[in-house]
Amino acid sequence: MPVTTVSVPVETRASTGETTACLLGAEPAVLVDPGAASDPLDEAVAGREVGHLAVTHHHPDHVGAVERYAARTGATVWARVGRADAFAAATGVTPDRTFADGTAIPTGSGPVRVVDTPGHAPEHVAFASPGSPDALDGWTLACGDLAVADGSVAVAAPEGDLRAYLTSLRRVHAMAPDRLVPAHGPAVEGEDVRATLRRLVAHRLDRERRVRAAVEGGAETVTAVCDRAYETDLSRVRDLAEATVRAHLEKLAVEDHVRWDGQRASPP
């Protein structure tokens, strides 16, 4: 199945400063994550019939040009089932249809299938493009903010859910796609796909151990836990780091590893 990627400049906390929009399938193709308008994306959309438009999640750097390209293409606009109102609020477009895990969106070279991957955001999904119409051989997963080739993905409270995020990483690891196309940064291919997913799981579990150790060592507030759990300079990303610590504390509290009332943490 043809997969065309176009990186567009966006306002984002991602270090790349860009979001990768994808055109999946032959005409009529699926346009995924038009985070902003750009001449290269205009040209890509003009050069192929776009029958469907969808996003991996509703963050501004993924939905910024949904309204523009929906109007230009007349595409069927899709949203996550149960999240249609949130999609409309984020994009300014009322969706035509809704999808759930496993929904097949038709293209000229076979269906693109929706894969639930919540965690970074509650509505987060990925889009699977098979290598042939009838089998998932040589297949690509447009994975949004599930994974990155380098670094890590923010999973920040209040929307970020680390239990869901780790489950999503492990699910995709088990599915073993041949190629990941993240929304930020380069694609990941071959053996690096599962290695990257394992690295991201290990990173999150390591951070969790640091957060838990900080609480066991007497840190009670998010600020105090953050100071002990991170060894790097947080001056430019302090807000994200503290939101991530909150997400870790919420996970640990659900699992009875810490007590957390939303303000103060303590050992169980």
C-alpha atoms as a PDB file:
ATOM      1  CA  MET A   1       0.000   0.000   0.000  1.00  0.00           C
ATOM      2  CA  PRO A   2       1.432   3.419  -0.896  1.00  0.00           C
ATOM      3  CA  VAL A   3       2.391   5.592   2.072  1.00  0.00           C
ATOM      4  CA  THR A   4       3.341   9.224   1.446  1.00  0.00           C
ATOM      5  CA  THR A   5       4.658  11.354   4.307  1.00  0.00           C
ATOM      6  CA  VAL A   6       4.928  15.141   4.428  1.00  0.00           C
ATOM      7  CA  SER A   7       6.522  16.918   7.397  1.00  0.00           C
ATOM      8  CA  VAL A   8       4.876  20.262   8.106  1.00  0.00           C
ATOM      9  CA  PRO A   9       6.131  22.979  10.482  1.00  0.00           C
ATOM     10  CA  VAL A  10       3.887  23.348  13.533  1.00  0.00           C
ATOM     11  CA  GLU A  11       3.889  24.899  16.973  1.00  0.00           C
ATOM     12  CA  THR A  12       4.778  21.867  19.074  1.00  0.00           C
ATOM     13  CA  ARG A  13       6.792  20.851  22.114  1.00  0.00           C
ATOM     14  CA  ALA A  14       8.367  18.114  19.990  1.00  0.00           C
ATOM     15  CA  SER A  15      12.020  18.834  19.278  1.00  0.00           C
ATOM     16  CA  THR A  16      11.550  18.433  15.531  1.00  0.00           C
ATOM     17  CA  GLY A  17       9.188  21.430  15.273  1.00  0.00           C
ATOM     18  CA  GLU A  18       7.213  19.435  12.720  1.00  0.00           C
ATOM     19  CA  THR A  19       4.349  16.974  12.468  1.00  0.00           C
ATOM     20  CA  THR A  20       4.346  14.252   9.830  1.00  0.00           C
ATOM     21  CA  ALA A  21       1.114  14.100   7.848  1.00  0.00           C
ATOM     22  CA  CYS A  22       0.476  10.826   6.023  1.00  0.00           C
ATOM     23  CA  LEU A  23      -1.401   9.870   2.875  1.00  0.00           C
ATOM     24  CA  LEU A  24      -2.251   6.189   3.139  1.00  0.00           C
ATOM     25  CA  GLY A  25      -3.355   4.036   0.230  1.00  0.00           C
ATOM     26  CA  ALA A  26      -4.085   4.554  -3.432  1.00  0.00           C
ATOM     27  CA  GLU A  27      -6.941   6.774  -4.529  1.00  0.00           C
ATOM     28  CA  PRO A  28      -9.126   7.404  -2.653  1.00  0.00           C
ATOM     29  CA  ALA A  29      -6.443   7.800   0.039  1.00  0.00           C
ATOM     30  CA  VAL A  30      -6.678   8.522   3.770  1.00  0.00           C
ATOM     31  CA  LEU A  31      -5.098  11.757   4.999  1.00  0.00           C
ATOM     32  CA  VAL A  32      -3.850  11.423   8.600  1.00  0.00           C
ATOM     33  CA  ASP A  33      -2.729  14.195  10.957  1.00  0.00           C
ATOM     34  CA  PRO A  34      -2.704  17.379   8.852  1.00  0.00           C
ATOM     35  CA  GLY A  35      -1.204  19.424  11.671  1.00  0.00           C
ATOM     36  CA  ALA A  36      -0.787  22.575   9.595  1.00  0.00           C
ATOM     37  CA  ALA A  37      -1.090  23.784   6.022  1.00  0.00           C
ATOM     38  CA  SER A  38       2.024  23.870   3.863  1.00  0.00           C
ATOM     39  CA  ASP A  39       2.844  24.079   0.172  1.00  0.00           C
ATOM     40  CA  PRO A  40       4.269  20.525   0.089  1.00  0.00           C
ATOM     41  CA  LEU A  41       1.151  19.130   1.760  1.00  0.00           C
ATOM     42  CA  ASP A  42      -1.068  21.158  -0.589  1.00  0.00           C
ATOM     43  CA  GLU A  43       0.781  19.600  -3.520  1.00  0.00           C
ATOM     44  CA  ALA A  44       0.552  16.075  -2.117  1.00  0.00           C
ATOM     45  CA  VAL A  45      -3.187  16.427  -1.511  1.00  0.00           C
ATOM     46  CA  ALA A  46      -3.767  17.994  -4.926  1.00  0.00           C
ATOM     47  CA  GLY A  47      -1.899  15.142  -6.601  1.00  0.00           C
ATOM     48  CA  ARG A  48      -4.036  12.352  -5.165  1.00  0.00           C
ATOM     49  CA  GLU A  49      -7.744  11.904  -4.559  1.00  0.00           C
ATOM     50  CA  VAL A  50      -8.312  12.030  -0.808  1.00  0.00           C
ATOM     51  CA  GLY A  51     -11.426  10.153   0.210  1.00  0.00           C
ATOM     52  CA  HIS A  52     -11.007  10.142   3.984  1.00  0.00           C
ATOM     53  CA  LEU A  53      -9.463  12.327   6.689  1.00  0.00           C
ATOM     54  CA  ALA A  54      -8.602  11.228  10.235  1.00  0.00           C
ATOM     55  CA  VAL A  55      -6.252  12.092  13.083  1.00  0.00           C
ATOM     56  CA  THR A  56      -4.387  10.017  15.629  1.00  0.00           C
ATOM     57  CA  HIS A  57      -5.511  12.353  18.437  1.00  0.00           C
ATOM     58  CA  HIS A  58      -6.780  15.867  19.044  1.00  0.00           C
ATOM     59  CA  HIS A  59      -3.675  17.798  20.107  1.00  0.00           C
ATOM     60  CA  PRO A  60      -3.292  21.080  18.192  1.00  0.00           C
ATOM     61  CA  ASP A  61      -0.142  20.031  16.336  1.00  0.00           C
ATOM     62  CA  HIS A  62      -2.115  17.160  14.759  1.00  0.00           C
ATOM     63  CA  VAL A  63      -5.403  18.850  13.866  1.00  0.00           C
ATOM     64  CA  GLY A  64      -4.459  22.383  12.849  1.00  0.00           C
ATOM     65  CA  ALA A  65      -5.336  21.994   9.169  1.00  0.00           C
ATOM     66  CA  VAL A  66      -8.199  19.489   9.375  1.00  0.00           C
ATOM     67  CA  GLU A  67     -10.747  22.161   8.449  1.00  0.00           C
ATOM     68  CA  ARG A  68      -8.682  23.363   5.476  1.00  0.00           C
ATOM     69  CA  TYR A  69      -8.122  19.951   3.930  1.00  0.00           C
ATOM     70  CA  ALA A  70     -11.627  18.689   4.674  1.00  0.00           C
ATOM     71  CA  ALA A  71     -12.970  21.645   2.707  1.00  0.00           C
ATOM     72  CA  ARG A  72     -10.452  21.267  -0.122  1.00  0.00           C
ATOM     73  CA  THR A  73     -10.930  17.556  -0.640  1.00  0.00           C
ATOM     74  CA  GLY A  74     -14.544  16.924   0.350  1.00  0.00           C
ATOM     75  CA  ALA A  75     -13.209  13.874   2.203  1.00  0.00           C
ATOM     76  CA  THR A  76     -15.234  11.859   4.682  1.00  0.00           C
ATOM     77  CA  VAL A  77     -14.055  13.097   8.091  1.00  0.00           C
ATOM     78  CA  TRP A  78     -13.647  10.458  10.801  1.00  0.00           C
ATOM     79  CA  ALA A  79     -13.410  10.715  14.602  1.00  0.00           C
ATOM     80  CA  ARG A  80     -13.023   8.248  17.452  1.00  0.00           C
ATOM     81  CA  VAL A  81     -16.349   6.835  18.612  1.00  0.00           C
ATOM     82  CA  GLY A  82     -17.455   8.635  21.758  1.00  0.00           C
ATOM     83  CA  ARG A  83     -15.140  11.571  20.996  1.00  0.00           C
ATOM     84  CA  ALA A  84     -16.988  13.270  18.144  1.00  0.00           C
ATOM     85  CA  ASP A  85     -17.797  16.386  20.167  1.00  0.00           C
ATOM     86  CA  ALA A  86     -14.196  16.704  21.346  1.00  0.00           C
ATOM     87  CA  PHE A  87     -13.023  16.297  17.758  1.00  0.00           C
ATOM     88  CA  ALA A  88     -15.375  19.047  16.575  1.00  0.00           C
ATOM     89  CA  ALA A  89     -14.191  21.362  19.353  1.00  0.00           C
ATOM     90  CA  ALA A  90     -10.557  20.723  18.460  1.00  0.00           C
ATOM     91  CA  THR A  91     -10.893  21.006  14.682  1.00  0.00           C
ATOM     92  CA  GLY A  92     -13.944  23.130  13.926  1.00  0.00           C
ATOM     93  CA  VAL A  93     -15.300  20.247  11.826  1.00  0.00           C
ATOM     94  CA  THR A  94     -18.200  17.959  12.666  1.00  0.00           C
ATOM     95  CA  PRO A  95     -17.143  14.406  11.754  1.00  0.00           C
ATOM     96  CA  ASP A  96     -19.112  12.473   9.165  1.00  0.00           C
ATOM     97  CA  ARG A  97     -18.374   9.059  10.640  1.00  0.00           C
ATOM     98  CA  THR A  98     -16.824   7.468  13.715  1.00  0.00           C
ATOM     99  CA  PHE A  99     -14.355   4.613  14.043  1.00  0.00           C
ATOM    100  CA  ALA A 100     -13.398   2.131  16.750  1.00  0.00           C
ATOM    101  CA  ASP A 101     -10.603  -0.383  17.139  1.00  0.00           C
ATOM    102  CA  GLY A 102     -10.512  -2.546  14.022  1.00  0.00           C
ATOM    103  CA  THR A 103     -12.578  -0.247  11.799  1.00  0.00           C
ATOM    104  CA  ALA A 104     -11.549  -0.599   8.152  1.00  0.00           C
ATOM    105  CA  ILE A 105     -11.339   2.667   6.205  1.00  0.00           C
ATOM    106  CA  PRO A 106     -11.441   1.845   2.486  1.00  0.00           C
ATOM    107  CA  THR A 107      -8.793   3.018   0.027  1.00  0.00           C
ATOM    108  CA  GLY A 108      -8.004   2.147  -3.565  1.00  0.00           C
ATOM    109  CA  SER A 109      -5.389  -0.367  -2.423  1.00  0.00           C
ATOM    110  CA  GLY A 110      -7.253  -2.017   0.426  1.00  0.00           C
ATOM    111  CA  PRO A 111      -8.421  -1.032   3.901  1.00  0.00           C
ATOM    112  CA  VAL A 112      -6.526   1.047   6.414  1.00  0.00           C
ATOM    113  CA  ARG A 113      -7.357  -0.367   9.839  1.00  0.00           C
ATOM    114  CA  VAL A 114      -7.700   1.542  13.080  1.00  0.00           C
ATOM    115  CA  VAL A 115      -5.615   0.350  16.039  1.00  0.00           C
ATOM    116  CA  ASP A 116      -6.467   1.652  19.522  1.00  0.00           C
ATOM    117  CA  THR A 117      -3.333   3.064  21.169  1.00  0.00           C
ATOM    118  CA  PRO A 118      -4.491   5.255  24.080  1.00  0.00           C
ATOM    119  CA  GLY A 119      -2.123   6.675  26.660  1.00  0.00           C
ATOM    120  CA  HIS A 120      -0.558   9.818  25.245  1.00  0.00           C
ATOM    121  CA  ALA A 121      -4.160  10.982  24.816  1.00  0.00           C
ATOM    122  CA  PRO A 122      -7.385   9.132  25.667  1.00  0.00           C
ATOM    123  CA  GLU A 123      -8.576   9.021  22.043  1.00  0.00           C
ATOM    124  CA  HIS A 124      -5.187   8.128  20.550  1.00  0.00           C
ATOM    125  CA  VAL A 125      -5.238   5.637  17.672  1.00  0.00           C
ATOM    126  CA  ALA A 126      -2.850   4.450  14.991  1.00  0.00           C
ATOM    127  CA  PHE A 127      -3.539   3.473  11.382  1.00  0.00           C
ATOM    128  CA  ALA A 128      -2.325   0.184   9.903  1.00  0.00           C
ATOM    129  CA  SER A 129      -1.549   0.040   6.193  1.00  0.00           C
ATOM    130  CA  PRO A 130      -0.994  -3.491   4.896  1.00  0.00           C
ATOM    131  CA  GLY A 131       1.592  -4.375   2.307  1.00  0.00           C
ATOM    132  CA  SER A 132      -1.134  -6.022   0.234  1.00  0.00           C
ATOM    133  CA  PRO A 133      -4.922  -5.778   0.293  1.00  0.00           C
ATOM    134  CA  ASP A 134      -5.424  -9.168   1.921  1.00  0.00           C
ATOM    135  CA  ALA A 135      -2.617  -9.624   4.451  1.00  0.00           C
ATOM    136  CA  LEU A 136      -0.597  -7.629   6.936  1.00  0.00           C
ATOM    137  CA  ASP A 137       2.747  -8.403   5.304  1.00  0.00           C
ATOM    138  CA  GLY A 138       5.242  -5.612   4.956  1.00  0.00           C
ATOM    139  CA  TRP A 139       2.861  -3.339   6.805  1.00  0.00           C
ATOM    140  CA  THR A 140       3.218   0.184   8.120  1.00  0.00           C
ATOM    141  CA  LEU A 141       1.716   1.692  11.255  1.00  0.00           C
ATOM    142  CA  ALA A 142       1.179   5.454  11.240  1.00  0.00           C
ATOM    143  CA  CYS A 143       1.521   5.685  14.993  1.00  0.00           C
ATOM    144  CA  GLY A 144       1.106   9.371  15.858  1.00  0.00           C
ATOM    145  CA  ASP A 145       2.591  10.085  19.281  1.00  0.00           C
ATOM    146  CA  LEU A 146       2.788   6.473  20.414  1.00  0.00           C
ATOM    147  CA  ALA A 147       6.487   6.213  19.591  1.00  0.00           C
ATOM    148  CA  VAL A 148       9.535   8.153  18.426  1.00  0.00           C
ATOM    149  CA  ALA A 149      12.811   6.966  16.953  1.00  0.00           C
ATOM    150  CA  ASP A 150      14.829   8.926  19.509  1.00  0.00           C
ATOM    151  CA  GLY A 151      13.961  10.269  22.938  1.00  0.00           C
ATOM    152  CA  SER A 152      10.591   9.648  24.548  1.00  0.00           C
ATOM    153  CA  VAL A 153       6.915  10.566  24.287  1.00  0.00           C
ATOM    154  CA  ALA A 154       5.251  12.840  26.822  1.00  0.00           C
ATOM    155  CA  VAL A 155       2.552  11.064  28.824  1.00  0.00           C
ATOM    156  CA  ALA A 156       1.332  13.925  30.952  1.00  0.00           C
ATOM    157  CA  ALA A 157      -1.570  14.328  33.359  1.00  0.00           C
ATOM    158  CA  PRO A 158      -4.422  15.049  33.249  1.00  0.00           C
ATOM    159  CA  GLU A 159      -5.015  13.384  29.862  1.00  0.00           C
ATOM    160  CA  GLY A 160      -1.990  11.102  29.804  1.00  0.00           C
ATOM    161  CA  ASP A 161      -2.535   7.607  31.195  1.00  0.00           C
ATOM    162  CA  LEU A 162       0.629   5.573  31.745  1.00  0.00           C
ATOM    163  CA  ARG A 163      -1.152   2.263  32.300  1.00  0.00           C
ATOM    164  CA  ALA A 164      -2.876   2.680  28.940  1.00  0.00           C
ATOM    165  CA  TYR A 165       0.322   3.905  27.267  1.00  0.00           C
ATOM    166  CA  LEU A 166       2.380   0.904  28.363  1.00  0.00           C
ATOM    167  CA  THR A 167      -0.414  -1.424  27.243  1.00  0.00           C
ATOM    168  CA  SER A 168      -0.449   0.270  23.830  1.00  0.00           C
ATOM    169  CA  LEU A 169       3.325  -0.077  23.431  1.00  0.00           C
ATOM    170  CA  ARG A 170       3.160  -3.750  24.347  1.00  0.00           C
ATOM    171  CA  ARG A 171       0.219  -4.339  22.033  1.00  0.00           C
ATOM    172  CA  VAL A 172       2.011  -2.864  19.040  1.00  0.00           C
ATOM    173  CA  HIS A 173       5.184  -4.763  19.980  1.00  0.00           C
ATOM    174  CA  ALA A 174       3.158  -7.989  19.790  1.00  0.00           C
ATOM    175  CA  MET A 175       1.666  -6.944  16.445  1.00  0.00           C
ATOM    176  CA  ALA A 176       5.211  -6.451  15.099  1.00  0.00           C
ATOM    177  CA  PRO A 177       4.699  -3.970  12.263  1.00  0.00           C
ATOM    178  CA  ASP A 178       7.468  -3.736   9.683  1.00  0.00           C
ATOM    179  CA  ARG A 179       7.559   0.048   9.848  1.00  0.00           C
ATOM    180  CA  LEU A 180       6.467   2.764  12.257  1.00  0.00           C
ATOM    181  CA  VAL A 181       5.764   6.271  10.998  1.00  0.00           C
ATOM    182  CA  PRO A 182       5.722   8.529  14.067  1.00  0.00           C
ATOM    183  CA  ALA A 183       4.193  11.985  13.913  1.00  0.00           C
ATOM    184  CA  HIS A 184       7.508  13.507  14.987  1.00  0.00           C
ATOM    185  CA  GLY A 185      10.895  12.479  13.663  1.00  0.00           C
ATOM    186  CA  PRO A 186      12.034   9.751  11.285  1.00  0.00           C
ATOM    187  CA  ALA A 187      10.382   6.443  10.497  1.00  0.00           C
ATOM    188  CA  VAL A 188      11.502   3.279  12.273  1.00  0.00           C
ATOM    189  CA  GLU A 189      11.963   0.107  10.245  1.00  0.00           C
ATOM    190  CA  GLY A 190      12.775  -3.575  10.498  1.00  0.00           C
ATOM    191  CA  GLU A 191      14.310  -4.889  13.704  1.00  0.00           C
ATOM    192  CA  ASP A 192      14.426  -1.352  15.093  1.00  0.00           C
ATOM    193  CA  VAL A 193      10.626  -1.304  15.387  1.00  0.00           C
ATOM    194  CA  ARG A 194      10.348  -3.736  18.287  1.00  0.00           C
ATOM    195  CA  ALA A 195      13.626  -2.501  19.789  1.00  0.00           C
ATOM    196  CA  THR A 196      12.212   1.033  19.867  1.00  0.00           C
ATOM    197  CA  LEU A 197       8.993  -0.121  21.522  1.00  0.00           C
ATOM    198  CA  ARG A 198      10.967  -2.054  24.139  1.00  0.00           C
ATOM    199  CA  ARG A 199      13.159   1.001  24.746  1.00  0.00           C
ATOM    200  CA  LEU A 200      10.106   3.185  25.352  1.00  0.00           C
ATOM    201  CA  VAL A 201       8.620   0.665  27.800  1.00  0.00           C
ATOM    202  CA  ALA A 202      11.944   0.419  29.637  1.00  0.00           C
ATOM    203  CA  HIS A 203      12.223   4.216  29.796  1.00  0.00           C
ATOM    204  CA  ARG A 204       8.796   4.568  31.372  1.00  0.00           C
ATOM    205  CA  LEU A 205       9.427   1.789  33.898  1.00  0.00           C
ATOM    206  CA  ASP A 206      12.779   3.329  34.831  1.00  0.00           C
ATOM    207  CA  ARG A 207      11.100   6.700  35.420  1.00  0.00           C
ATOM    208  CA  GLU A 208       8.443   4.942  37.479  1.00  0.00           C
ATOM    209  CA  ARG A 209      11.125   3.360  39.675  1.00  0.00           C
ATOM    210  CA  ARG A 210      12.674   6.782  40.218  1.00  0.00           C
ATOM    211  CA  VAL A 211       9.319   8.333  41.133  1.00  0.00           C
ATOM    212  CA  ARG A 212       8.538   5.508  43.535  1.00  0.00           C
ATOM    213  CA  ALA A 213      11.985   5.759  45.129  1.00  0.00           C
ATOM    214  CA  ALA A 214      11.538   9.506  45.561  1.00  0.00           C
ATOM    215  CA  VAL A 215       8.258   8.985  47.426  1.00  0.00           C
ATOM    216  CA  GLU A 216       9.779   6.238  49.562  1.00  0.00           C
ATOM    217  CA  GLY A 217      12.633   8.629  50.313  1.00  0.00           C
ATOM    218  CA  GLY A 218      10.255  11.242  51.710  1.00  0.00           C
ATOM    219  CA  ALA A 219       9.349  13.426  48.716  1.00  0.00           C
ATOM    220  CA  GLU A 220       5.675  14.381  49.029  1.00  0.00           C
ATOM    221  CA  THR A 221       4.898  17.044  46.445  1.00  0.00           C
ATOM    222  CA  VAL A 222       5.132  16.872  42.673  1.00  0.00           C
ATOM    223  CA  THR A 223       7.929  19.425  42.754  1.00  0.00           C
ATOM    224  CA  ALA A 224       9.929  17.432  45.278  1.00  0.00           C
ATOM    225  CA  VAL A 225       9.392  14.137  43.454  1.00  0.00           C
ATOM    226  CA  CYS A 226      10.358  15.762  40.161  1.00  0.00           C
ATOM    227  CA  ASP A 227      13.605  17.089  41.642  1.00  0.00           C
ATOM    228  CA  ARG A 228      14.616  13.601  42.756  1.00  0.00           C
ATOM    229  CA  ALA A 229      13.302  11.606  39.781  1.00  0.00           C
ATOM    230  CA  TYR A 230      15.075  13.633  37.089  1.00  0.00           C
ATOM    231  CA  GLU A 231      18.810  14.178  36.832  1.00  0.00           C
ATOM    232  CA  THR A 232      18.707  16.539  33.846  1.00  0.00           C
ATOM    233  CA  ASP A 233      18.133  20.291  33.592  1.00  0.00           C
ATOM    234  CA  LEU A 234      14.367  20.784  33.523  1.00  0.00           C
ATOM    235  CA  SER A 235      14.317  24.553  33.168  1.00  0.00           C
ATOM    236  CA  ARG A 236      12.784  24.470  29.675  1.00  0.00           C
ATOM    237  CA  VAL A 237      10.429  21.525  30.226  1.00  0.00           C
ATOM    238  CA  ARG A 238       9.547  21.782  33.906  1.00  0.00           C
ATOM    239  CA  ASP A 239       5.805  21.845  33.244  1.00  0.00           C
ATOM    240  CA  LEU A 240       5.934  18.661  31.152  1.00  0.00           C
ATOM    241  CA  ALA A 241       8.159  16.905  33.680  1.00  0.00           C
ATOM    242  CA  GLU A 242       5.801  17.724  36.542  1.00  0.00           C
ATOM    243  CA  ALA A 243       2.760  16.649  34.519  1.00  0.00           C
ATOM    244  CA  THR A 244       4.571  13.386  33.755  1.00  0.00           C
ATOM    245  CA  VAL A 245       5.331  12.857  37.457  1.00  0.00           C
ATOM    246  CA  ARG A 246       1.621  13.363  38.186  1.00  0.00           C
ATOM    247  CA  ALA A 247       0.771  10.674  35.629  1.00  0.00           C
ATOM    248  CA  HIS A 248       3.277   8.313  37.251  1.00  0.00           C
ATOM    249  CA  LEU A 249       1.862   8.998  40.716  1.00  0.00           C
ATOM    250  CA  GLU A 250      -1.663   8.308  39.447  1.00  0.00           C
ATOM    251  CA  LYS A 251      -0.535   4.957  38.030  1.00  0.00           C
ATOM    252  CA  LEU A 252       1.356   4.014  41.198  1.00  0.00           C
ATOM    253  CA  ALA A 253      -1.636   4.959  43.346  1.00  0.00           C
ATOM    254  CA  VAL A 254      -4.017   2.795  41.305  1.00  0.00           C
ATOM    255  CA  GLU A 255      -1.572  -0.094  41.775  1.00  0.00           C
ATOM    256  CA  ASP A 256      -1.293   0.582  45.552  1.00  0.00           C
ATOM    257  CA  HIS A 257       2.420   1.341  45.361  1.00  0.00           C
ATOM    258  CA  VAL A 258       1.970   4.881  46.751  1.00  0.00           C
ATOM    259  CA  ARG A 259      -0.705   6.970  48.372  1.00  0.00           C
ATOM    260  CA  TRP A 260      -1.612  10.050  46.339  1.00  0.00           C
ATOM    261  CA  ASP A 261      -4.416  12.515  47.016  1.00  0.00           C
ATOM    262  CA  GLY A 262      -3.652  14.811  44.110  1.00  0.00           C
ATOM    263  CA  GLN A 263      -1.477  17.058  46.249  1.00  0.00           C
ATOM    264  CA  ARG A 264       0.755  14.900  48.411  1.00  0.00           C
ATOM    265  CA  ALA A 265       2.284  11.454  47.999  1.00  0.00           C
ATOM    266  CA  SER A 266       3.423   8.996  50.648  1.00  0.00           C
ATOM    267  CA  PRO A 267       4.422   5.334  50.831  1.00  0.00           C
ATOM    268  CA  PRO A 268       1.482   2.924  51.093  1.00  0.00           C
END
